[in-house]
Amino acid sequence: MTAAASGKQAQFAPRLNAGVQLGEYVLGQPLWPLRIADAYRANGPKGAATVYVIHAQLSQDPNVRDQIIAGTRIAAALPEHKHLVRTLAAGLTGDILWIATEEVDGSLVRDMLMKKRTAGTAGFGARGTGNLITGVGLALGEIQHGALASESVVVSRNGRVRIADLALGAGTIAAMRAGLVAWTSSTAPELQTGAPIDGPVDVYAVGALLYEALVGSPLERGGPRPSDVVPGTNMQIDEIVARACHKDREKRFGRVEVLGEVVSEALGKGGAMQTVAVPTLDRSLGASLSDTAEKWLISKGRLDYGPFSLAEVVKQINKGDIVAGNIIMDKDTGARSDVGSHPLLGPMVDSARARMDDQRRAQAEVKVQSSEKRRGALLYAIIALGVIGAGVGVYFIINAVRGDEATKKVAGVSKLEGAELKVTVSMPKTPPAKHHSTGGGGGHHTTGGGPGGQNANENLGLDMSDDSDETETLGMDKVYAVYSTHGAQLGGCMQSTGASSANIAIMINGPTGRVNFVKVNGQASGGLYNCISRTMRAMQFPVIHGPRTRAEFDINL
């Protein structure tokens, strides 16, 4: 058992003596052992430094060695940060793999906790732990460590908190996976199954460090709750630790800096806030909204947003940006709940959802009523034309109807002159999916033209979806239900041009329910196309939320 594993620095037997030169660095006195390396004071080209000598067995493993070198390159490329010890260089001298950093001033958190246990005390207390986790959270705001532990963090004599072994994180995990170093309770469990090093992995490690700094001993199943042994704390800090170290990574805090801020707020006030995490129904809404404190975080899936004031949260609910299923958390206490079941916000979520549903239904009803009015006007026109004669009726249609009403002429002629006309239309089918290019045109183009109307470009340069996207499309039965009632008009078009059959391809705009693309027998011009195109564009199909629906059908006389 190594000294790092046992926690007894007296067992530290340094591998190298003072005076040994590694690259441009001359070793001085040994400092402390780590899981995969020994630390030494050293002198380099720019003065005092610290050198980490990788354990011989580990430096001989190719994967461990590669991960250490890769981690060193990443760490050395980072800009200076007040909570990170800067990595300077690395090298291989003979069979000795080493890493040089700037001088480490202070003591490891691991050794400080060990001294407290020896003196009969445990942990740093609420405020000291809050300062520690705040510094660690700031250090890992934009980077990942992977193997953070109490041996990774150093506290200077003036209280400055820094992560000292960032370059060794990936190599430490590689050594654990190779069975060369034992897994510790501070490492996220998913790392053992090959998961990558990322934010939730570090959240788990920081949660374990939070527990150890409070209680004075490493995180373990069955260990004491912080609220039971740390004066001035309550069960809210237990909940923060439990969420940070949850075995399900999806249920942890989304980012280390969020955890750091939550802990800072909680322990900075002694960890003894007794207020509930959310306002209750007996607290007036006006009083709640007047509180401008930005303390509410909103979790959507794996992402956390905020902090927001309660008034800002309500505005987002009213716009539909925050819905049931999103999680609201008080960063002061760490308590959290579903927005939909929140005692104050839940009714607002339900009301906003109902209001938006009503608006969608009203819009759909207006479109349906407009369609019915157009159909009613067409029916009365046909009846009137039947009374005064087909010829006079056609005359008035041609001369009185303008724009969109021009399509009614075809319908009237078909009804009167084609009373015995036998027209059959097939059930529609969905054409083969088209995948649209995102390059090329930057706007909404049209093709075709003439009396039949202009076609929208099939590729729709601004529409980034394609027919394989999982967006809503209109069912083919609903498409058939609309155009099958216009068989007489379509048959009249064919009779007037001498055609006996036609293949019609259409594209229906989802938000409007109107046809904006027509091809007849693969063509977008000619007399038959013009007539059928006008008829199809006059039809009103059901409105959907998807971008479009494509359909194709045949018609025969």
Protein backbone atom coordinates (compact mmCIF):
# COMPACT_ATOMS: atom_id res chain seq x y z
CA MET A 1 0.00 0.00 0.00
CA THR A 2 1.35 3.41 -0.99
CA ALA A 3 1.48 6.38 1.26
CA ALA A 4 -1.13 8.10 -0.87
CA ALA A 5 -3.53 5.22 -0.38
CA SER A 6 -3.03 4.84 3.33
CA GLY A 7 -2.87 8.54 4.12
CA LYS A 8 0.34 8.12 6.17
CA GLN A 9 3.01 10.43 4.85
CA ALA A 10 5.60 8.74 7.11
CA GLN A 11 5.67 5.79 4.67
CA PHE A 12 6.82 8.05 1.83
CA ALA A 13 10.04 6.60 0.41
CA PRO A 14 11.19 8.94 -2.38
CA ARG A 15 12.56 7.26 -5.48
CA LEU A 16 15.23 9.87 -6.24
CA ASN A 17 17.70 11.82 -4.15
CA ALA A 18 18.26 15.56 -4.06
CA GLY A 19 20.65 16.77 -6.75
CA VAL A 20 19.37 14.53 -9.55
CA GLN A 21 18.88 16.51 -12.78
CA LEU A 22 15.84 15.91 -15.00
CA GLY A 23 16.05 18.03 -18.13
CA GLU A 24 16.61 21.60 -17.00
CA TYR A 25 15.40 20.90 -13.45
CA VAL A 26 17.52 19.86 -10.46
CA LEU A 27 15.60 18.02 -7.76
CA GLY A 28 15.58 19.19 -4.16
CA GLN A 29 13.81 17.72 -1.12
CA PRO A 30 10.77 15.43 -1.60
CA LEU A 31 7.37 17.02 -0.91
CA TRP A 32 4.66 14.31 -0.92
CA PRO A 33 3.49 11.16 -2.70
CA LEU A 34 0.47 11.06 -5.01
CA ARG A 35 -1.40 8.14 -6.53
CA ILE A 36 0.75 8.00 -9.65
CA ALA A 37 3.74 10.24 -8.87
CA ASP A 38 6.09 11.66 -6.22
CA ALA A 39 6.47 15.43 -5.87
CA TYR A 40 9.83 17.17 -5.30
CA ARG A 41 10.99 20.70 -4.79
CA ALA A 42 13.20 21.69 -7.70
CA ASN A 43 15.15 24.51 -9.30
CA GLY A 44 14.60 25.26 -12.98
CA PRO A 45 15.67 27.82 -15.58
CA LYS A 46 13.27 30.38 -14.06
CA GLY A 47 13.81 29.58 -10.40
CA ALA A 48 11.90 27.49 -7.88
CA ALA A 49 9.56 24.83 -9.26
CA THR A 50 7.87 21.53 -8.40
CA VAL A 51 8.61 18.31 -10.29
CA TYR A 52 6.36 15.24 -10.34
CA VAL A 53 8.19 11.97 -11.03
CA ILE A 54 5.81 9.31 -12.37
CA HIS A 55 6.02 5.93 -10.66
CA ALA A 56 8.26 3.59 -12.66
CA GLN A 57 5.65 0.87 -13.22
CA LEU A 58 3.15 3.39 -14.55
CA SER A 59 5.59 5.16 -16.88
CA GLN A 60 6.27 1.82 -18.58
CA ASP A 61 2.59 1.34 -19.53
CA PRO A 62 2.15 2.85 -23.02
CA ASN A 63 -1.44 3.99 -22.55
CA VAL A 64 -0.80 5.54 -19.15
CA ARG A 65 2.29 7.28 -20.50
CA ASP A 66 0.39 8.62 -23.53
CA GLN A 67 -2.45 9.94 -21.36
CA ILE A 68 -0.01 11.71 -19.03
CA ILE A 69 1.78 13.35 -21.96
CA ALA A 70 -1.55 14.39 -23.53
CA GLY A 71 -2.77 15.79 -20.21
CA THR A 72 0.48 17.74 -19.82
CA ARG A 73 0.12 19.35 -23.25
CA ILE A 74 -3.46 20.43 -22.50
CA ALA A 75 -2.55 21.83 -19.09
CA ALA A 76 0.54 23.67 -20.39
CA ALA A 77 -1.55 25.38 -23.10
CA LEU A 78 -4.02 26.89 -20.62
CA PRO A 79 -3.82 30.59 -19.72
CA GLU A 80 -2.80 31.52 -16.20
CA HIS A 81 -5.55 31.07 -13.61
CA LYS A 82 -5.47 32.08 -9.96
CA HIS A 83 -6.85 28.70 -8.89
CA LEU A 84 -4.58 26.50 -11.08
CA VAL A 85 -0.90 25.64 -10.60
CA ARG A 86 0.70 26.35 -13.99
CA THR A 87 2.24 23.41 -15.87
CA LEU A 88 5.68 24.28 -17.31
CA ALA A 89 7.28 21.25 -18.97
CA ALA A 90 7.54 17.48 -19.20
CA GLY A 91 10.23 15.07 -20.28
CA LEU A 92 11.62 11.56 -20.36
CA THR A 93 15.12 11.31 -18.86
CA GLY A 94 16.31 7.74 -19.31
CA ASP A 95 13.34 5.72 -18.08
CA ILE A 96 12.10 8.52 -15.79
CA LEU A 97 8.91 10.31 -16.91
CA TRP A 98 8.50 13.67 -15.18
CA ILE A 99 6.36 16.83 -15.22
CA ALA A 100 7.42 20.29 -14.01
CA THR A 101 5.04 22.94 -12.64
CA GLU A 102 5.48 26.29 -11.00
CA GLU A 103 6.37 26.16 -7.31
CA VAL A 104 3.60 24.78 -5.10
CA ASP A 105 3.30 26.86 -1.98
CA GLY A 106 1.23 25.42 0.86
CA SER A 107 -0.19 22.05 1.90
CA LEU A 108 -2.37 19.42 0.26
CA VAL A 109 -5.96 19.27 1.47
CA ARG A 110 -5.34 15.55 2.05
CA ASP A 111 -2.53 16.25 4.50
CA MET A 112 -4.40 19.07 6.23
CA LEU A 113 -7.36 16.77 6.91
CA MET A 114 -5.02 14.07 8.16
CA LYS A 115 -3.47 16.53 10.66
CA LYS A 116 -6.91 17.52 11.90
CA ARG A 117 -7.83 13.87 12.50
CA THR A 118 -4.57 13.38 14.38
CA ALA A 119 -5.37 16.41 16.54
CA GLY A 120 -8.80 14.99 17.37
CA THR A 121 -10.87 17.26 15.11
CA ALA A 122 -12.46 16.57 11.75
CA GLY A 123 -13.07 18.63 8.62
CA PHE A 124 -12.74 22.32 7.85
CA GLY A 125 -16.17 23.37 9.08
CA ALA A 126 -18.93 24.97 7.03
CA ARG A 127 -17.25 28.24 6.07
CA GLY A 128 -13.80 26.77 5.39
CA THR A 129 -15.31 24.05 3.18
CA GLY A 130 -17.36 26.69 1.33
CA ASN A 131 -14.18 28.62 0.48
CA LEU A 132 -12.44 25.43 -0.66
CA ILE A 133 -15.23 24.29 -3.01
CA THR A 134 -15.68 27.79 -4.41
CA GLY A 135 -12.02 27.89 -5.49
CA VAL A 136 -12.17 24.40 -6.99
CA GLY A 137 -15.39 25.26 -8.84
CA LEU A 138 -13.81 28.35 -10.38
CA ALA A 139 -10.74 26.34 -11.45
CA LEU A 140 -12.82 23.70 -13.27
CA GLY A 141 -15.27 26.09 -14.91
CA GLU A 142 -13.89 25.56 -18.43
CA ILE A 143 -11.74 22.41 -18.12
CA GLN A 144 -12.01 18.86 -16.80
CA HIS A 145 -9.74 16.99 -14.39
CA GLY A 146 -11.27 13.50 -14.23
CA ALA A 147 -9.51 12.23 -11.11
CA LEU A 148 -9.86 15.13 -8.68
CA ALA A 149 -9.28 14.15 -5.04
CA SER A 150 -8.12 15.74 -1.79
CA GLU A 151 -4.52 15.16 -2.94
CA SER A 152 -5.18 17.31 -6.02
CA VAL A 153 -5.83 20.58 -4.17
CA VAL A 154 -3.31 22.73 -2.34
CA VAL A 155 -4.05 25.59 0.07
CA SER A 156 -1.39 28.28 0.51
CA ARG A 157 -0.48 29.91 3.80
CA ASN A 158 -2.69 32.90 2.97
CA GLY A 159 -5.66 30.65 2.12
CA ARG A 160 -5.38 30.60 -1.67
CA VAL A 161 -6.94 27.43 -3.17
CA ARG A 162 -5.34 25.88 -6.27
CA ILE A 163 -5.53 22.57 -8.17
CA ALA A 164 -1.96 21.30 -8.40
CA ASP A 165 -2.11 18.11 -10.49
CA LEU A 166 -4.35 18.97 -13.47
CA ALA A 167 -1.84 17.41 -15.89
CA LEU A 168 -2.07 14.07 -14.07
CA GLY A 169 -5.87 13.65 -14.21
CA ALA A 170 -6.22 11.63 -17.43
CA GLY A 171 -3.13 9.55 -16.61
CA THR A 172 -4.54 8.67 -13.19
CA ILE A 173 -7.78 7.37 -14.73
CA ALA A 174 -5.78 5.39 -17.31
CA ALA A 175 -3.75 3.80 -14.49
CA MET A 176 -6.96 2.87 -12.64
CA ARG A 177 -8.44 1.31 -15.78
CA ALA A 178 -5.23 -0.68 -16.28
CA GLY A 179 -5.49 -2.03 -12.73
CA LEU A 180 -2.24 -0.34 -11.70
CA VAL A 181 -3.91 2.01 -9.20
CA ALA A 182 -6.97 1.26 -7.06
CA TRP A 183 -10.24 3.04 -7.77
CA THR A 184 -11.17 5.59 -5.10
CA SER A 185 -14.56 6.72 -3.82
CA SER A 186 -14.02 10.17 -5.32
CA THR A 187 -14.07 8.92 -8.93
CA ALA A 188 -17.37 8.81 -10.79
CA PRO A 189 -18.61 5.22 -11.20
CA GLU A 190 -19.20 5.53 -14.96
CA LEU A 191 -15.43 5.95 -15.49
CA GLN A 192 -15.01 2.25 -14.67
CA THR A 193 -17.11 1.36 -17.73
CA GLY A 194 -15.17 3.57 -20.13
CA ALA A 195 -17.16 6.82 -19.97
CA PRO A 196 -15.21 9.93 -21.09
CA ILE A 197 -13.93 12.57 -18.72
CA ASP A 198 -16.45 15.42 -18.74
CA GLY A 199 -18.36 17.87 -16.56
CA PRO A 200 -20.62 15.36 -14.69
CA VAL A 201 -17.53 13.28 -13.85
CA ASP A 202 -15.91 16.29 -12.17
CA VAL A 203 -19.19 17.21 -10.44
CA TYR A 204 -19.10 13.81 -8.74
CA ALA A 205 -15.46 14.30 -7.65
CA VAL A 206 -16.14 17.81 -6.29
CA GLY A 207 -19.17 16.45 -4.41
CA ALA A 208 -16.95 13.77 -2.85
CA LEU A 209 -14.38 16.45 -1.90
CA LEU A 210 -17.20 18.53 -0.36
CA TYR A 211 -18.19 15.56 1.81
CA GLU A 212 -14.60 14.79 2.85
CA ALA A 213 -13.85 18.44 3.71
CA LEU A 214 -16.96 18.63 5.89
CA VAL A 215 -16.84 15.24 7.61
CA GLY A 216 -13.06 14.74 7.65
CA SER A 217 -13.10 11.29 6.00
CA PRO A 218 -13.57 10.07 2.41
CA LEU A 219 -17.03 9.53 0.95
CA GLU A 220 -18.27 6.00 1.60
CA ARG A 221 -21.53 4.11 1.73
CA GLY A 222 -22.98 4.22 5.23
CA GLY A 223 -20.83 7.17 6.30
CA PRO A 224 -22.22 9.91 8.55
CA ARG A 225 -24.38 12.67 7.11
CA PRO A 226 -22.66 16.08 7.15
CA SER A 227 -25.67 17.58 8.96
CA ASP A 228 -25.17 15.04 11.78
CA VAL A 229 -21.52 15.86 12.47
CA VAL A 230 -20.85 19.42 11.23
CA PRO A 231 -22.16 22.18 13.51
CA GLY A 232 -24.28 24.84 11.84
CA THR A 233 -25.43 22.69 8.90
CA ASN A 234 -28.71 20.99 8.17
CA MET A 235 -30.15 18.41 5.78
CA GLN A 236 -29.99 20.82 2.86
CA ILE A 237 -26.22 20.30 2.58
CA ASP A 238 -26.87 16.53 2.66
CA GLU A 239 -29.12 16.95 -0.37
CA ILE A 240 -26.43 18.90 -2.23
CA VAL A 241 -23.88 16.12 -1.62
CA ALA A 242 -26.43 13.46 -2.60
CA ARG A 243 -27.24 15.17 -5.90
CA ALA A 244 -23.59 15.87 -6.79
CA CYS A 245 -22.60 12.23 -6.10
CA HIS A 246 -25.69 10.58 -7.56
CA LYS A 247 -24.82 7.34 -9.36
CA ASP A 248 -27.02 8.49 -12.27
CA ARG A 249 -24.99 11.21 -13.99
CA GLU A 250 -28.16 12.71 -15.48
CA LYS A 251 -29.37 13.63 -11.98
CA ARG A 252 -26.22 15.50 -10.93
CA PHE A 253 -25.59 19.22 -11.22
CA GLY A 254 -24.92 20.11 -14.85
CA ARG A 255 -21.61 21.90 -14.30
CA VAL A 256 -18.96 22.21 -11.60
CA GLU A 257 -19.28 25.99 -11.41
CA VAL A 258 -23.02 25.64 -10.65
CA LEU A 259 -22.22 23.25 -7.81
CA GLY A 260 -19.52 25.62 -6.57
CA GLU A 261 -21.93 28.55 -6.53
CA VAL A 262 -24.62 26.56 -4.71
CA VAL A 263 -22.15 25.38 -2.07
CA SER A 264 -20.68 28.88 -1.69
CA GLU A 265 -24.10 30.37 -1.03
CA ALA A 266 -25.10 27.59 1.39
CA LEU A 267 -21.92 27.18 3.42
CA GLY A 268 -20.96 30.84 3.16
CA LYS A 269 -24.02 31.47 5.32
CA GLY A 270 -23.20 28.63 7.66
CA GLY A 271 -25.21 26.03 5.77
CA ALA A 272 -28.05 26.65 8.15
CA MET A 273 -30.66 28.38 6.03
CA GLN A 274 -34.06 27.20 7.22
CA THR A 275 -36.17 28.70 4.45
CA VAL A 276 -37.89 26.28 2.12
CA ALA A 277 -36.60 25.91 -1.42
CA VAL A 278 -39.70 27.34 -3.11
CA PRO A 279 -42.40 29.82 -2.04
CA THR A 280 -45.56 28.22 -0.73
CA LEU A 281 -49.12 29.08 -1.75
CA ASP A 282 -49.75 31.12 1.38
CA ARG A 283 -47.05 33.57 0.28
CA SER A 284 -48.56 36.25 -1.96
CA LEU A 285 -47.53 36.31 -5.61
CA GLY A 286 -46.84 40.03 -5.39
CA ALA A 287 -44.37 39.56 -2.56
CA SER A 288 -42.64 36.74 -4.45
CA LEU A 289 -42.29 38.71 -7.68
CA SER A 290 -40.95 41.76 -5.86
CA ASP A 291 -37.94 39.72 -4.75
CA THR A 292 -35.24 40.60 -7.30
CA ALA A 293 -32.67 38.10 -5.98
CA GLU A 294 -31.35 36.00 -8.87
CA LYS A 295 -31.24 32.65 -7.11
CA TRP A 296 -33.34 30.34 -9.30
CA LEU A 297 -31.70 27.86 -11.68
CA ILE A 298 -33.68 26.08 -14.40
CA SER A 299 -32.56 22.63 -15.59
CA LYS A 300 -33.64 21.48 -19.03
CA GLY A 301 -32.27 18.01 -19.62
CA ARG A 302 -28.55 18.15 -18.86
CA LEU A 303 -28.27 21.94 -19.16
CA ASP A 304 -28.71 24.46 -16.35
CA TYR A 305 -29.83 28.04 -17.04
CA GLY A 306 -29.78 31.07 -14.78
CA PRO A 307 -29.70 32.24 -12.12
CA PHE A 308 -32.96 34.16 -12.59
CA SER A 309 -35.19 36.21 -10.34
CA LEU A 310 -38.67 34.78 -9.76
CA ALA A 311 -40.15 37.52 -11.96
CA GLU A 312 -37.89 36.44 -14.82
CA VAL A 313 -38.94 32.83 -14.34
CA VAL A 314 -42.62 33.82 -14.56
CA LYS A 315 -42.01 35.77 -17.79
CA GLN A 316 -40.40 32.71 -19.36
CA ILE A 317 -43.32 30.53 -18.25
CA ASN A 318 -45.79 32.92 -19.89
CA LYS A 319 -43.80 32.77 -23.14
CA GLY A 320 -43.69 28.98 -23.04
CA ASP A 321 -39.90 28.85 -22.61
CA ILE A 322 -40.23 27.07 -19.24
CA VAL A 323 -42.68 24.16 -19.18
CA ALA A 324 -43.69 21.22 -17.02
CA GLY A 325 -40.80 18.76 -16.78
CA ASN A 326 -38.17 21.49 -16.39
CA ILE A 327 -36.54 21.55 -12.95
CA ILE A 328 -36.33 24.68 -10.79
CA MET A 329 -33.68 24.84 -8.08
CA ASP A 330 -32.95 27.35 -5.34
CA LYS A 331 -29.19 27.83 -5.51
CA ASP A 332 -29.19 29.09 -1.94
CA THR A 333 -30.37 25.75 -0.57
CA GLY A 334 -29.97 23.24 -3.39
CA ALA A 335 -33.61 22.14 -3.08
CA ARG A 336 -35.28 21.41 -6.41
CA SER A 337 -38.63 20.45 -7.90
CA ASP A 338 -40.45 20.05 -11.20
CA VAL A 339 -41.78 23.44 -12.34
CA GLY A 340 -45.09 21.77 -13.16
CA SER A 341 -45.56 20.56 -9.57
CA HIS A 342 -44.21 23.74 -7.93
CA PRO A 343 -46.91 25.07 -5.53
CA LEU A 344 -46.65 28.63 -6.86
CA LEU A 345 -45.45 28.17 -10.43
CA GLY A 346 -47.34 24.97 -11.29
CA PRO A 347 -50.71 26.74 -11.77
CA MET A 348 -48.97 29.36 -13.94
CA VAL A 349 -47.50 26.61 -16.13
CA ASP A 350 -50.96 25.03 -16.55
CA SER A 351 -52.53 28.40 -17.33
CA ALA A 352 -49.87 29.31 -19.90
CA ARG A 353 -50.24 25.92 -21.59
CA ALA A 354 -54.04 26.25 -21.72
CA ARG A 355 -53.81 29.80 -23.10
CA MET A 356 -51.44 28.76 -25.89
CA ASP A 357 -53.61 25.75 -26.74
CA ASP A 358 -56.64 28.06 -27.00
CA GLN A 359 -54.73 30.39 -29.29
CA ARG A 360 -53.75 27.52 -31.58
CA ARG A 361 -57.33 26.23 -31.69
CA ALA A 362 -58.69 29.72 -32.42
CA GLN A 363 -56.26 30.16 -35.30
CA ALA A 364 -57.24 26.78 -36.71
CA GLU A 365 -60.97 27.60 -36.39
CA VAL A 366 -60.52 30.89 -38.25
CA LYS A 367 -58.87 29.08 -41.13
CA VAL A 368 -61.57 26.39 -41.21
CA GLN A 369 -64.34 29.02 -41.17
CA SER A 370 -62.69 30.90 -44.02
CA SER A 371 -62.52 27.68 -46.00
CA GLU A 372 -66.20 26.90 -45.33
CA LYS A 373 -67.22 30.39 -46.43
CA ARG A 374 -65.39 29.96 -49.71
CA ARG A 375 -67.04 26.58 -50.28
CA GLY A 376 -70.48 28.01 -49.41
CA ALA A 377 -70.05 30.85 -51.86
CA LEU A 378 -69.08 28.36 -54.55
CA LEU A 379 -72.18 26.23 -53.86
CA TYR A 380 -74.56 29.21 -54.11
CA ALA A 381 -72.88 30.31 -57.33
CA ILE A 382 -73.40 26.88 -58.89
CA ILE A 383 -77.09 26.81 -57.88
CA ALA A 384 -77.65 30.27 -59.40
CA LEU A 385 -75.89 29.26 -62.57
CA GLY A 386 -78.09 26.17 -62.83
CA VAL A 387 -81.21 28.37 -62.79
CA ILE A 388 -80.18 30.84 -65.48
CA GLY A 389 -78.27 28.37 -67.64
CA ALA A 390 -74.81 27.02 -67.99
CA GLY A 391 -73.78 29.45 -70.70
CA VAL A 392 -74.87 32.59 -68.84
CA GLY A 393 -73.31 31.19 -65.65
CA VAL A 394 -69.95 30.63 -67.33
CA TYR A 395 -70.12 34.16 -68.75
CA PHE A 396 -70.65 35.75 -65.33
CA ILE A 397 -67.94 33.60 -63.74
CA ILE A 398 -65.37 34.63 -66.32
CA ASN A 399 -66.20 38.33 -66.09
CA ALA A 400 -67.07 38.76 -62.40
CA VAL A 401 -64.63 36.53 -60.56
CA ARG A 402 -61.04 37.74 -60.11
CA GLY A 403 -57.83 36.28 -58.57
CA ASP A 404 -58.54 33.25 -56.38
CA GLU A 405 -62.24 33.02 -57.57
CA ALA A 406 -61.04 32.12 -61.08
CA THR A 407 -60.75 28.50 -59.98
CA LYS A 408 -64.51 28.34 -59.45
CA LYS A 409 -65.13 28.52 -63.21
CA VAL A 410 -63.67 25.09 -63.75
CA ALA A 411 -65.80 23.70 -60.96
CA GLY A 412 -69.02 25.16 -62.43
CA VAL A 413 -68.35 23.90 -65.94
CA SER A 414 -67.52 20.45 -64.61
CA LYS A 415 -70.71 20.23 -62.57
CA LEU A 416 -73.00 21.32 -65.42
CA GLU A 417 -71.44 20.08 -68.61
CA GLY A 418 -69.90 16.99 -67.07
CA ALA A 419 -72.89 15.71 -65.11
CA GLU A 420 -72.31 12.23 -66.49
CA LEU A 421 -68.52 12.55 -66.43
CA LYS A 422 -66.91 9.55 -64.70
CA VAL A 423 -63.81 10.65 -62.84
CA THR A 424 -61.66 8.39 -60.66
CA VAL A 425 -58.89 9.59 -58.40
CA SER A 426 -56.41 7.27 -56.68
CA MET A 427 -55.38 7.31 -53.01
CA PRO A 428 -52.30 9.47 -52.56
CA LYS A 429 -48.85 8.16 -51.83
CA THR A 430 -45.82 9.82 -50.32
CA PRO A 431 -43.09 10.47 -52.93
CA PRO A 432 -39.51 9.31 -52.19
CA ALA A 433 -37.84 11.48 -49.49
CA LYS A 434 -35.84 14.44 -50.74
CA HIS A 435 -32.77 15.58 -48.78
CA HIS A 436 -32.19 19.27 -49.19
CA SER A 437 -28.80 20.92 -49.52
CA THR A 438 -28.03 23.66 -47.02
CA GLY A 439 -25.86 25.52 -49.54
CA GLY A 440 -26.80 27.53 -52.58
CA GLY A 441 -29.80 29.78 -52.43
CA GLY A 442 -30.25 31.90 -49.39
CA GLY A 443 -33.93 32.74 -49.83
CA HIS A 444 -37.34 31.48 -50.92
CA HIS A 445 -37.24 30.82 -54.70
CA THR A 446 -40.06 30.04 -57.11
CA THR A 447 -40.27 28.03 -60.31
CA GLY A 448 -42.81 27.79 -63.05
CA GLY A 449 -45.43 30.48 -63.44
CA GLY A 450 -48.11 31.61 -65.82
CA PRO A 451 -51.86 31.25 -65.29
CA GLY A 452 -51.40 28.24 -63.05
CA GLY A 453 -49.47 30.18 -60.40
CA GLN A 454 -45.85 30.02 -59.31
CA ASN A 455 -44.32 26.99 -57.62
CA ALA A 456 -42.21 27.18 -54.47
CA ASN A 457 -38.75 25.72 -55.02
CA GLU A 458 -38.72 22.05 -54.05
CA ASN A 459 -35.38 22.48 -52.25
CA LEU A 460 -36.37 25.52 -50.13
CA GLY A 461 -32.91 26.81 -49.36
CA LEU A 462 -33.87 28.20 -45.91
CA ASP A 463 -35.63 24.98 -44.81
CA MET A 464 -32.88 22.93 -43.14
CA SER A 465 -35.12 19.86 -42.64
CA ASP A 466 -35.81 17.06 -45.13
CA ASP A 467 -38.51 14.45 -45.63
CA SER A 468 -36.77 12.02 -43.26
CA ASP A 469 -36.95 14.48 -40.34
CA GLU A 470 -39.23 13.47 -37.46
CA THR A 471 -41.56 16.46 -37.97
CA GLU A 472 -45.33 16.39 -38.27
CA THR A 473 -46.76 15.64 -41.73
CA LEU A 474 -50.34 15.45 -42.93
CA GLY A 475 -51.75 11.92 -43.15
CA MET A 476 -52.43 10.65 -46.67
CA ASP A 477 -56.04 9.87 -45.67
CA LYS A 478 -56.57 13.54 -44.81
CA VAL A 479 -55.00 14.64 -48.09
CA TYR A 480 -57.34 12.30 -49.99
CA ALA A 481 -60.38 13.53 -48.03
CA VAL A 482 -59.83 17.04 -49.41
CA TYR A 483 -58.93 16.58 -53.07
CA SER A 484 -61.35 13.66 -53.67
CA THR A 485 -64.26 16.10 -53.22
CA HIS A 486 -62.92 18.14 -56.14
CA GLY A 487 -62.90 15.31 -58.68
CA ALA A 488 -65.41 17.05 -60.95
CA GLN A 489 -63.26 20.18 -61.17
CA LEU A 490 -60.13 18.16 -61.90
CA GLY A 491 -62.00 16.04 -64.45
CA GLY A 492 -63.28 19.21 -66.13
CA CYS A 493 -59.67 20.32 -66.55
CA MET A 494 -58.81 17.04 -68.26
CA GLN A 495 -61.91 17.09 -70.47
CA SER A 496 -61.25 20.66 -71.59
CA THR A 497 -57.72 19.75 -72.69
CA GLY A 498 -58.49 16.33 -74.13
CA ALA A 499 -56.44 14.42 -71.53
CA SER A 500 -57.67 11.03 -70.25
CA SER A 501 -55.29 10.58 -67.32
CA ALA A 502 -52.80 12.58 -65.30
CA ASN A 503 -50.26 12.14 -62.52
CA ILE A 504 -50.41 15.02 -60.04
CA ALA A 505 -47.64 15.80 -57.52
CA ILE A 506 -48.27 18.45 -54.87
CA MET A 507 -46.57 19.98 -51.83
CA ILE A 508 -48.81 21.34 -49.02
CA ASN A 509 -47.46 24.09 -46.77
CA GLY A 510 -47.89 22.91 -43.15
CA PRO A 511 -48.64 26.21 -41.34
CA THR A 512 -51.18 27.43 -44.00
CA GLY A 513 -52.67 24.19 -45.32
CA ARG A 514 -52.45 25.54 -48.89
CA VAL A 515 -50.80 23.94 -51.91
CA ASN A 516 -47.68 25.83 -52.93
CA PHE A 517 -46.19 23.38 -55.44
CA VAL A 518 -47.85 21.47 -58.30
CA LYS A 519 -46.55 19.30 -61.14
CA VAL A 520 -48.77 17.53 -63.66
CA ASN A 521 -47.20 14.61 -65.48
CA GLY A 522 -43.84 15.98 -64.32
CA GLN A 523 -44.47 19.35 -65.98
CA ALA A 524 -45.07 22.84 -64.56
CA SER A 525 -46.51 24.47 -67.68
CA GLY A 526 -49.16 23.98 -70.34
CA GLY A 527 -52.94 24.16 -70.45
CA LEU A 528 -53.59 21.03 -68.36
CA TYR A 529 -51.07 22.16 -65.72
CA ASN A 530 -52.58 25.67 -65.54
CA CYS A 531 -56.10 24.37 -64.97
CA ILE A 532 -55.22 21.68 -62.44
CA SER A 533 -52.77 24.00 -60.62
CA ARG A 534 -55.47 26.65 -60.11
CA THR A 535 -57.86 24.01 -58.78
CA MET A 536 -55.33 22.49 -56.36
CA ARG A 537 -54.23 25.88 -55.02
CA ALA A 538 -57.83 26.76 -54.16
CA MET A 539 -58.16 23.75 -51.83
CA GLN A 540 -57.80 24.13 -48.05
CA PHE A 541 -56.03 21.26 -46.30
CA PRO A 542 -55.76 20.83 -42.48
CA VAL A 543 -53.07 22.93 -40.79
CA ILE A 544 -50.13 21.16 -39.13
CA HIS A 545 -46.99 22.22 -37.20
CA GLY A 546 -44.58 20.54 -39.66
CA PRO A 547 -43.02 22.46 -42.60
CA ARG A 548 -44.76 20.61 -45.44
CA THR A 549 -46.40 17.43 -46.77
CA ARG A 550 -45.70 15.89 -50.16
CA ALA A 551 -48.28 13.75 -51.98
CA GLU A 552 -48.78 12.20 -55.38
CA PHE A 553 -51.94 10.74 -56.99
CA ASP A 554 -53.44 9.74 -60.33
CA ILE A 555 -56.71 10.83 -61.96
CA ASN A 556 -58.47 9.12 -64.86
CA LEU A 557 -61.56 9.76 -66.99
